[in-house]
């Protein structure tokens, strides 16, 4: 199970220290904050705050409420987040990573690879076959590449992620 601290660590890895500061601030308020308020309180430039908020919103770590300013066509945006949003975004991100790793594992398990001993270029069986099992750069004979370590590593990584989200 994820904690708020886990989510903040991920936010910092993805969006840097400033992103983490913004999320920490938004977690402390209930009514949300405008971009200007966030910039003023954190000392981060307005453009950087705006960019970080839009990036984090795309991934679901923050969101906003939009309201119209009186009769004008201008809108007010109040940005907010909460622990549930952070955990949900984190789960989605990990599920996406698991999907990508599964696809990679299937590819590694279903494909034979060959490598050039001189320049370490890796070829699939089909590519190697088309080139008579010779490197296209230096014409040296290709040797079969043993990818069992990669397969083992991917399986271990998938197992760790499954335990983490279970």
N, C-alpha and C. Protein backbone atom coordinates (compact mmCIF):
# COMPACT_ATOMS: atom_id res chain seq x y z
N UNK A 1 0.84 -1.19 0.00
CA UNK A 1 0.00 0.00 0.00
C UNK A 1 0.88 1.25 0.00
N UNK A 2 0.50 2.20 -0.79
CA UNK A 2 1.27 3.43 -0.90
C UNK A 2 0.91 4.39 0.22
N UNK A 3 1.89 5.15 0.62
CA UNK A 3 1.65 6.22 1.57
C UNK A 3 1.82 7.55 0.85
N UNK A 4 1.44 8.60 1.53
CA UNK A 4 1.61 9.93 0.97
C UNK A 4 3.09 10.22 0.74
N UNK A 5 3.94 9.73 1.63
CA UNK A 5 5.39 9.93 1.49
C UNK A 5 5.92 9.24 0.24
N UNK A 6 5.41 8.04 -0.06
CA UNK A 6 5.81 7.34 -1.29
C UNK A 6 5.44 8.16 -2.51
N UNK A 7 4.22 8.70 -2.50
CA UNK A 7 3.76 9.50 -3.63
C UNK A 7 4.63 10.75 -3.79
N UNK A 8 5.00 11.37 -2.69
CA UNK A 8 5.84 12.57 -2.76
C UNK A 8 7.23 12.25 -3.31
N UNK A 9 7.75 11.07 -2.97
CA UNK A 9 9.04 10.66 -3.53
C UNK A 9 8.96 10.52 -5.04
N UNK A 10 7.87 9.92 -5.51
CA UNK A 10 7.68 9.74 -6.95
C UNK A 10 7.53 11.10 -7.63
N UNK A 11 6.74 11.98 -7.02
CA UNK A 11 6.56 13.32 -7.59
C UNK A 11 7.90 14.02 -7.70
N UNK A 12 8.74 13.89 -6.68
CA UNK A 12 10.06 14.53 -6.74
C UNK A 12 10.92 13.94 -7.84
N UNK A 13 10.87 12.62 -8.02
CA UNK A 13 11.64 11.99 -9.10
C UNK A 13 11.17 12.44 -10.47
N UNK A 14 9.86 12.59 -10.62
CA UNK A 14 9.30 12.94 -11.92
C UNK A 14 9.38 14.43 -12.23
N UNK A 15 9.14 15.26 -11.23
CA UNK A 15 8.99 16.70 -11.47
C UNK A 15 9.99 17.56 -10.70
N UNK A 16 10.89 16.92 -10.00
CA UNK A 16 11.92 17.67 -9.29
C UNK A 16 11.45 18.19 -7.94
N UNK A 17 12.37 18.88 -7.27
CA UNK A 17 12.10 19.39 -5.93
C UNK A 17 10.97 20.41 -5.95
N UNK A 18 10.91 21.25 -6.99
CA UNK A 18 9.85 22.25 -7.07
C UNK A 18 8.48 21.60 -7.21
N UNK A 19 8.39 20.54 -7.98
CA UNK A 19 7.13 19.82 -8.11
C UNK A 19 6.68 19.26 -6.78
N UNK A 20 7.62 18.72 -6.03
CA UNK A 20 7.30 18.17 -4.72
C UNK A 20 6.82 19.27 -3.79
N UNK A 21 7.48 20.43 -3.80
CA UNK A 21 7.07 21.55 -2.95
C UNK A 21 5.66 22.01 -3.27
N UNK A 22 5.33 22.05 -4.55
CA UNK A 22 3.99 22.46 -4.95
C UNK A 22 2.95 21.47 -4.44
N UNK A 23 3.21 20.19 -4.61
CA UNK A 23 2.25 19.17 -4.15
C UNK A 23 2.12 19.21 -2.64
N UNK A 24 3.23 19.35 -1.93
CA UNK A 24 3.15 19.44 -0.47
C UNK A 24 2.28 20.61 -0.03
N UNK A 25 2.44 21.74 -0.71
CA UNK A 25 1.63 22.91 -0.36
C UNK A 25 0.16 22.65 -0.64
N UNK A 26 -0.14 22.06 -1.79
CA UNK A 26 -1.53 21.81 -2.15
C UNK A 26 -2.19 20.78 -1.23
N UNK A 27 -1.40 19.87 -0.67
CA UNK A 27 -1.95 18.89 0.26
C UNK A 27 -2.41 19.55 1.56
N UNK A 28 -1.81 20.68 1.90
CA UNK A 28 -2.11 21.36 3.17
C UNK A 28 -3.34 22.25 3.10
N UNK A 29 -3.81 22.57 1.89
CA UNK A 29 -4.97 23.47 1.77
C UNK A 29 -6.17 22.71 1.23
N UNK A 30 -7.36 23.12 1.64
CA UNK A 30 -8.57 22.44 1.19
C UNK A 30 -9.21 23.11 -0.02
N UNK A 31 -9.07 24.42 -0.11
CA UNK A 31 -9.78 25.16 -1.15
C UNK A 31 -8.97 25.35 -2.42
N UNK A 32 -7.76 24.87 -2.45
CA UNK A 32 -6.91 25.02 -3.62
C UNK A 32 -6.21 26.37 -3.65
N UNK A 33 -5.32 26.52 -4.61
CA UNK A 33 -4.52 27.75 -4.74
C UNK A 33 -4.44 28.11 -6.22
N UNK A 34 -4.34 29.40 -6.47
CA UNK A 34 -4.10 29.86 -7.84
C UNK A 34 -2.61 29.74 -8.15
N UNK A 35 -2.29 29.82 -9.40
CA UNK A 35 -0.88 29.75 -9.81
C UNK A 35 -0.09 30.89 -9.16
N UNK A 36 -0.68 32.07 -9.14
CA UNK A 36 0.01 33.22 -8.53
C UNK A 36 0.25 33.00 -7.04
N UNK A 37 -0.73 32.45 -6.34
CA UNK A 37 -0.57 32.18 -4.91
C UNK A 37 0.53 31.15 -4.67
N UNK A 38 0.54 30.12 -5.49
CA UNK A 38 1.56 29.09 -5.36
C UNK A 38 2.94 29.67 -5.60
N UNK A 39 3.08 30.47 -6.66
CA UNK A 39 4.37 31.08 -6.99
C UNK A 39 4.83 32.00 -5.87
N UNK A 40 3.91 32.76 -5.31
CA UNK A 40 4.26 33.69 -4.24
C UNK A 40 4.73 32.95 -2.98
N UNK A 41 4.01 31.91 -2.62
CA UNK A 41 4.33 31.19 -1.38
C UNK A 41 5.57 30.31 -1.50
N UNK A 42 5.85 29.81 -2.69
CA UNK A 42 7.00 28.91 -2.84
C UNK A 42 8.24 29.63 -3.33
N UNK A 43 8.06 30.79 -3.96
CA UNK A 43 9.21 31.49 -4.54
C UNK A 43 9.62 30.94 -5.89
N UNK A 44 8.80 30.08 -6.47
CA UNK A 44 9.07 29.51 -7.78
C UNK A 44 8.47 30.46 -8.83
N UNK A 45 9.16 30.64 -9.94
CA UNK A 45 8.66 31.53 -10.99
C UNK A 45 7.29 31.07 -11.48
N UNK A 46 6.43 32.02 -11.82
CA UNK A 46 5.06 31.73 -12.26
C UNK A 46 5.05 30.78 -13.45
N UNK A 47 5.90 31.02 -14.43
CA UNK A 47 5.94 30.16 -15.61
C UNK A 47 6.33 28.73 -15.25
N UNK A 48 7.25 28.58 -14.31
CA UNK A 48 7.65 27.23 -13.88
C UNK A 48 6.53 26.53 -13.12
N UNK A 49 5.82 27.30 -12.27
CA UNK A 49 4.68 26.74 -11.54
C UNK A 49 3.64 26.26 -12.54
N UNK A 50 3.31 27.09 -13.51
CA UNK A 50 2.30 26.75 -14.53
C UNK A 50 2.70 25.49 -15.29
N UNK A 51 3.96 25.44 -15.73
CA UNK A 51 4.44 24.28 -16.48
C UNK A 51 4.35 23.01 -15.64
N UNK A 52 4.82 23.08 -14.39
CA UNK A 52 4.79 21.91 -13.51
C UNK A 52 3.36 21.45 -13.23
N UNK A 53 2.47 22.40 -12.99
CA UNK A 53 1.08 22.03 -12.72
C UNK A 53 0.44 21.34 -13.92
N UNK A 54 0.69 21.85 -15.11
CA UNK A 54 0.13 21.22 -16.30
C UNK A 54 0.70 19.82 -16.51
N UNK A 55 1.99 19.65 -16.27
CA UNK A 55 2.60 18.32 -16.41
C UNK A 55 2.02 17.35 -15.39
N UNK A 56 1.91 17.81 -14.14
CA UNK A 56 1.38 16.94 -13.08
C UNK A 56 -0.10 16.63 -13.31
N UNK A 57 -0.84 17.58 -13.87
CA UNK A 57 -2.26 17.35 -14.15
C UNK A 57 -2.43 16.30 -15.23
N UNK A 58 -1.55 16.28 -16.22
CA UNK A 58 -1.63 15.27 -17.27
C UNK A 58 -1.50 13.86 -16.70
N UNK A 59 -0.68 13.72 -15.67
CA UNK A 59 -0.47 12.41 -15.05
C UNK A 59 -1.43 12.15 -13.89
N UNK A 60 -2.30 13.12 -13.56
CA UNK A 60 -3.30 12.91 -12.53
C UNK A 60 -2.86 13.20 -11.12
N UNK A 61 -1.69 13.80 -10.93
CA UNK A 61 -1.22 14.08 -9.57
C UNK A 61 -1.89 15.32 -8.98
N UNK A 62 -2.32 16.24 -9.81
CA UNK A 62 -3.05 17.44 -9.37
C UNK A 62 -4.21 17.66 -10.33
N UNK A 63 -5.13 18.53 -9.92
CA UNK A 63 -6.24 18.91 -10.78
C UNK A 63 -6.62 20.34 -10.47
N UNK A 64 -7.61 20.85 -11.17
CA UNK A 64 -8.01 22.23 -10.95
C UNK A 64 -9.52 22.37 -11.06
N UNK A 65 -10.01 23.43 -10.46
CA UNK A 65 -11.40 23.84 -10.60
C UNK A 65 -11.38 25.15 -11.36
N UNK A 66 -12.24 25.27 -12.36
CA UNK A 66 -12.28 26.48 -13.18
C UNK A 66 -13.57 27.23 -12.88
N UNK A 67 -13.43 28.53 -12.66
CA UNK A 67 -14.61 29.37 -12.45
C UNK A 67 -14.44 30.64 -13.26
N UNK A 68 -15.57 31.21 -13.67
CA UNK A 68 -15.52 32.41 -14.50
C UNK A 68 -15.45 33.64 -13.61
N UNK A 69 -14.66 34.62 -14.06
CA UNK A 69 -14.53 35.88 -13.35
C UNK A 69 -15.68 36.80 -13.75
N UNK A 70 -16.73 36.82 -12.98
CA UNK A 70 -17.84 37.72 -13.25
C UNK A 70 -18.40 37.56 -14.64
N UNK A 71 -18.59 38.68 -15.34
CA UNK A 71 -19.15 38.68 -16.69
C UNK A 71 -18.10 38.55 -17.78
N UNK A 72 -16.83 38.61 -17.40
CA UNK A 72 -15.77 38.58 -18.40
C UNK A 72 -15.58 37.17 -18.95
N UNK A 73 -14.74 37.06 -19.93
CA UNK A 73 -14.44 35.76 -20.52
C UNK A 73 -13.22 35.10 -19.87
N UNK A 74 -12.69 35.71 -18.83
CA UNK A 74 -11.54 35.18 -18.13
C UNK A 74 -11.97 34.14 -17.11
N UNK A 75 -11.08 33.19 -16.86
CA UNK A 75 -11.37 32.15 -15.89
C UNK A 75 -10.35 32.17 -14.76
N UNK A 76 -10.80 31.77 -13.58
CA UNK A 76 -9.92 31.53 -12.44
C UNK A 76 -9.70 30.03 -12.33
N UNK A 77 -8.46 29.64 -12.09
CA UNK A 77 -8.14 28.23 -11.88
C UNK A 77 -7.60 28.07 -10.47
N UNK A 78 -8.20 27.15 -9.73
CA UNK A 78 -7.71 26.84 -8.39
C UNK A 78 -7.21 25.39 -8.43
N UNK A 79 -5.94 25.23 -8.17
CA UNK A 79 -5.29 23.93 -8.25
C UNK A 79 -5.36 23.24 -6.91
N UNK A 80 -5.54 21.92 -6.94
CA UNK A 80 -5.64 21.16 -5.70
C UNK A 80 -5.14 19.73 -5.92
N UNK A 81 -4.93 19.04 -4.83
CA UNK A 81 -4.63 17.61 -4.85
C UNK A 81 -5.00 17.04 -3.49
N UNK A 82 -5.03 15.73 -3.40
CA UNK A 82 -5.24 15.06 -2.12
C UNK A 82 -4.57 13.70 -2.18
N UNK A 83 -4.53 13.04 -1.07
CA UNK A 83 -3.83 11.74 -0.98
C UNK A 83 -4.41 10.71 -1.94
N UNK A 84 -5.72 10.70 -2.08
CA UNK A 84 -6.36 9.73 -2.97
C UNK A 84 -5.94 9.95 -4.42
N UNK A 85 -5.91 11.22 -4.85
CA UNK A 85 -5.47 11.53 -6.21
C UNK A 85 -4.03 11.06 -6.44
N UNK A 86 -3.17 11.33 -5.47
CA UNK A 86 -1.77 10.94 -5.60
C UNK A 86 -1.62 9.44 -5.71
N UNK A 87 -2.31 8.71 -4.86
CA UNK A 87 -2.21 7.25 -4.88
C UNK A 87 -2.78 6.68 -6.18
N UNK A 88 -3.89 7.22 -6.64
CA UNK A 88 -4.48 6.76 -7.89
C UNK A 88 -3.54 6.99 -9.07
N UNK A 89 -2.94 8.17 -9.11
CA UNK A 89 -1.99 8.49 -10.19
C UNK A 89 -0.80 7.56 -10.14
N UNK A 90 -0.34 7.27 -8.93
CA UNK A 90 0.80 6.37 -8.75
C UNK A 90 0.46 4.96 -9.23
N UNK A 91 -0.71 4.45 -8.87
CA UNK A 91 -1.14 3.13 -9.32
C UNK A 91 -1.23 3.07 -10.83
N UNK A 92 -1.83 4.10 -11.44
CA UNK A 92 -1.94 4.13 -12.90
C UNK A 92 -0.57 4.11 -13.56
N UNK A 93 0.34 4.87 -13.00
CA UNK A 93 1.68 4.94 -13.58
C UNK A 93 2.37 3.58 -13.48
N UNK A 94 2.26 2.91 -12.34
CA UNK A 94 2.88 1.60 -12.15
C UNK A 94 2.21 0.57 -13.06
N UNK A 95 0.90 0.62 -13.20
CA UNK A 95 0.21 -0.31 -14.09
C UNK A 95 0.68 -0.13 -15.52
N UNK A 96 0.92 1.10 -15.93
CA UNK A 96 1.43 1.36 -17.28
C UNK A 96 2.84 0.79 -17.44
N UNK A 97 3.66 0.95 -16.41
CA UNK A 97 5.02 0.40 -16.45
C UNK A 97 4.98 -1.13 -16.53
N UNK A 98 4.08 -1.74 -15.76
CA UNK A 98 3.94 -3.20 -15.78
C UNK A 98 3.53 -3.66 -17.18
N UNK A 99 2.60 -2.95 -17.81
CA UNK A 99 2.18 -3.31 -19.16
C UNK A 99 3.36 -3.25 -20.13
N UNK A 100 4.15 -2.18 -20.06
CA UNK A 100 5.30 -2.02 -20.95
C UNK A 100 6.34 -3.12 -20.69
N UNK A 101 6.59 -3.43 -19.43
CA UNK A 101 7.55 -4.49 -19.10
C UNK A 101 7.07 -5.86 -19.57
N UNK A 102 5.78 -6.12 -19.47
CA UNK A 102 5.23 -7.39 -19.97
C UNK A 102 5.44 -7.52 -21.47
N UNK A 103 5.16 -6.43 -22.19
CA UNK A 103 5.38 -6.44 -23.63
C UNK A 103 6.84 -6.69 -23.97
N UNK A 104 7.73 -6.05 -23.23
CA UNK A 104 9.16 -6.24 -23.46
C UNK A 104 9.57 -7.69 -23.15
N UNK A 105 9.03 -8.26 -22.07
CA UNK A 105 9.34 -9.64 -21.71
C UNK A 105 8.87 -10.59 -22.81
N UNK A 106 7.67 -10.39 -23.31
CA UNK A 106 7.17 -11.23 -24.40
C UNK A 106 8.08 -11.13 -25.61
N UNK A 107 8.51 -9.93 -25.94
CA UNK A 107 9.40 -9.72 -27.08
C UNK A 107 10.73 -10.44 -26.87
N UNK A 108 11.31 -10.30 -25.69
CA UNK A 108 12.59 -10.94 -25.38
C UNK A 108 12.47 -12.46 -25.44
N UNK A 109 11.34 -13.00 -24.98
CA UNK A 109 11.16 -14.44 -24.95
C UNK A 109 10.85 -15.02 -26.34
N UNK A 110 10.29 -14.23 -27.21
CA UNK A 110 9.87 -14.75 -28.51
C UNK A 110 10.85 -14.44 -29.63
N UNK A 111 11.93 -13.76 -29.33
CA UNK A 111 12.86 -13.33 -30.37
C UNK A 111 14.26 -13.85 -30.08
N UNK A 112 14.94 -14.30 -31.13
CA UNK A 112 16.35 -14.68 -31.02
C UNK A 112 17.19 -13.49 -31.48
N UNK A 113 18.29 -13.29 -30.78
CA UNK A 113 19.14 -12.14 -31.10
C UNK A 113 20.54 -12.59 -31.44
N UNK A 114 21.20 -11.80 -32.25
CA UNK A 114 22.60 -12.01 -32.62
C UNK A 114 23.34 -10.70 -32.41
N UNK A 115 24.63 -10.82 -32.06
CA UNK A 115 25.41 -9.63 -31.75
C UNK A 115 26.74 -9.66 -32.51
N UNK A 116 27.18 -8.49 -32.90
CA UNK A 116 28.49 -8.36 -33.54
C UNK A 116 29.54 -8.31 -32.43
N UNK A 117 30.56 -9.17 -32.50
CA UNK A 117 31.59 -9.18 -31.45
C UNK A 117 32.51 -7.95 -31.52
N UNK A 118 32.51 -7.23 -32.63
CA UNK A 118 33.38 -6.07 -32.78
C UNK A 118 32.73 -4.80 -32.26
N UNK A 119 31.53 -4.47 -32.80
CA UNK A 119 30.90 -3.19 -32.42
C UNK A 119 29.65 -3.35 -31.54
N UNK A 120 29.35 -4.56 -31.13
CA UNK A 120 28.24 -4.87 -30.20
C UNK A 120 26.86 -4.49 -30.73
N UNK A 121 26.70 -4.39 -32.03
CA UNK A 121 25.39 -4.14 -32.61
C UNK A 121 24.55 -5.40 -32.47
N UNK A 122 23.30 -5.22 -32.02
CA UNK A 122 22.42 -6.37 -31.82
C UNK A 122 21.42 -6.44 -32.96
N UNK A 123 21.22 -7.67 -33.46
CA UNK A 123 20.30 -7.92 -34.56
C UNK A 123 19.28 -8.96 -34.13
N UNK A 124 18.06 -8.85 -34.64
CA UNK A 124 17.09 -9.93 -34.46
C UNK A 124 17.48 -11.05 -35.42
N UNK A 125 16.87 -12.21 -35.25
CA UNK A 125 17.18 -13.32 -36.14
C UNK A 125 16.90 -12.95 -37.59
N UNK A 126 15.76 -12.29 -37.82
CA UNK A 126 15.39 -11.91 -39.18
C UNK A 126 16.42 -10.97 -39.81
N UNK A 127 16.87 -9.98 -39.03
CA UNK A 127 17.88 -9.04 -39.54
C UNK A 127 19.19 -9.76 -39.83
N UNK A 128 19.58 -10.65 -38.91
CA UNK A 128 20.82 -11.39 -39.10
C UNK A 128 20.73 -12.30 -40.33
N UNK A 129 19.59 -12.95 -40.50
CA UNK A 129 19.38 -13.84 -41.64
C UNK A 129 19.47 -13.07 -42.96
N UNK A 130 18.85 -11.89 -43.01
CA UNK A 130 18.87 -11.07 -44.22
C UNK A 130 20.29 -10.66 -44.61
N UNK A 131 21.17 -10.54 -43.61
CA UNK A 131 22.55 -10.11 -43.85
C UNK A 131 23.55 -11.26 -43.79
N UNK A 132 23.03 -12.50 -43.96
CA UNK A 132 23.88 -13.70 -43.94
C UNK A 132 24.69 -13.82 -42.65
N UNK A 133 24.10 -13.40 -41.56
CA UNK A 133 24.70 -13.48 -40.23
C UNK A 133 26.05 -12.76 -40.18
N UNK A 134 26.11 -11.62 -40.87
CA UNK A 134 27.30 -10.77 -40.83
C UNK A 134 26.87 -9.36 -40.45
N UNK A 135 27.74 -8.69 -39.72
CA UNK A 135 27.48 -7.32 -39.30
C UNK A 135 27.45 -6.41 -40.53
N UNK A 136 26.47 -5.52 -40.57
CA UNK A 136 26.37 -4.62 -41.73
C UNK A 136 27.43 -3.52 -41.69
N UNK A 137 28.04 -3.32 -40.53
CA UNK A 137 29.05 -2.26 -40.40
C UNK A 137 30.47 -2.75 -40.70
N UNK A 138 30.80 -3.93 -40.14
CA UNK A 138 32.19 -4.39 -40.26
C UNK A 138 32.31 -5.77 -40.91
N UNK A 139 31.21 -6.38 -41.29
CA UNK A 139 31.15 -7.68 -41.97
C UNK A 139 31.71 -8.84 -41.13
N UNK A 140 31.85 -8.67 -39.84
CA UNK A 140 32.29 -9.79 -39.02
C UNK A 140 31.11 -10.74 -38.77
N UNK A 141 31.41 -11.98 -38.48
CA UNK A 141 30.37 -12.97 -38.25
C UNK A 141 29.66 -12.68 -36.93
N UNK A 142 28.34 -12.79 -36.96
CA UNK A 142 27.54 -12.55 -35.76
C UNK A 142 27.51 -13.80 -34.90
N UNK A 143 27.41 -13.59 -33.59
CA UNK A 143 27.27 -14.71 -32.66
C UNK A 143 25.92 -14.58 -31.96
N UNK A 144 25.38 -15.72 -31.56
CA UNK A 144 24.08 -15.69 -30.90
C UNK A 144 24.20 -14.99 -29.56
N UNK A 145 23.21 -14.15 -29.27
CA UNK A 145 23.19 -13.38 -28.03
C UNK A 145 22.28 -14.07 -27.04
N UNK A 146 22.81 -14.35 -25.85
CA UNK A 146 22.04 -15.02 -24.81
C UNK A 146 21.35 -13.94 -23.96
N UNK A 147 20.03 -13.86 -24.09
CA UNK A 147 19.29 -12.83 -23.36
C UNK A 147 18.57 -13.38 -22.12
N UNK A 148 19.01 -14.52 -21.60
CA UNK A 148 18.38 -15.10 -20.42
C UNK A 148 18.48 -14.19 -19.20
N UNK A 149 19.59 -13.45 -19.08
CA UNK A 149 19.73 -12.53 -17.94
C UNK A 149 18.70 -11.40 -18.04
N UNK A 150 18.46 -10.91 -19.22
CA UNK A 150 17.46 -9.86 -19.42
C UNK A 150 16.07 -10.38 -19.07
N UNK A 151 15.77 -11.60 -19.52
CA UNK A 151 14.48 -12.20 -19.23
C UNK A 151 14.30 -12.40 -17.73
N UNK A 152 15.32 -12.90 -17.07
CA UNK A 152 15.27 -13.10 -15.62
C UNK A 152 15.06 -11.78 -14.90
N UNK A 153 15.80 -10.76 -15.31
CA UNK A 153 15.68 -9.44 -14.69
C UNK A 153 14.27 -8.87 -14.87
N UNK A 154 13.71 -8.99 -16.07
CA UNK A 154 12.36 -8.48 -16.32
C UNK A 154 11.33 -9.22 -15.47
N UNK A 155 11.48 -10.52 -15.34
CA UNK A 155 10.55 -11.30 -14.51
C UNK A 155 10.63 -10.89 -13.05
N UNK A 156 11.86 -10.69 -12.54
CA UNK A 156 12.03 -10.25 -11.15
C UNK A 156 11.42 -8.87 -10.93
N UNK A 157 11.65 -7.98 -11.86
CA UNK A 157 11.12 -6.63 -11.76
C UNK A 157 9.59 -6.64 -11.77
N UNK A 158 9.01 -7.42 -12.66
CA UNK A 158 7.55 -7.53 -12.70
C UNK A 158 6.99 -8.10 -11.40
N UNK A 159 7.67 -9.08 -10.84
CA UNK A 159 7.22 -9.67 -9.58
C UNK A 159 7.26 -8.64 -8.45
N UNK A 160 8.33 -7.85 -8.38
CA UNK A 160 8.43 -6.80 -7.36
C UNK A 160 7.30 -5.78 -7.51
N UNK A 161 7.03 -5.38 -8.74
CA UNK A 161 5.96 -4.40 -8.96
C UNK A 161 4.59 -4.99 -8.63
N UNK A 162 4.37 -6.26 -8.94
CA UNK A 162 3.10 -6.89 -8.59
C UNK A 162 2.90 -6.90 -7.08
N UNK A 163 3.96 -7.23 -6.33
CA UNK A 163 3.87 -7.25 -4.87
C UNK A 163 3.63 -5.84 -4.34
N UNK A 164 4.23 -4.85 -4.98
CA UNK A 164 4.12 -3.47 -4.52
C UNK A 164 2.72 -2.94 -4.69
N UNK A 165 2.03 -3.33 -5.76
CA UNK A 165 0.68 -2.81 -5.98
C UNK A 165 -0.41 -3.74 -5.47
N UNK A 166 -0.03 -4.92 -5.01
CA UNK A 166 -1.02 -5.87 -4.50
C UNK A 166 -1.52 -5.48 -3.12
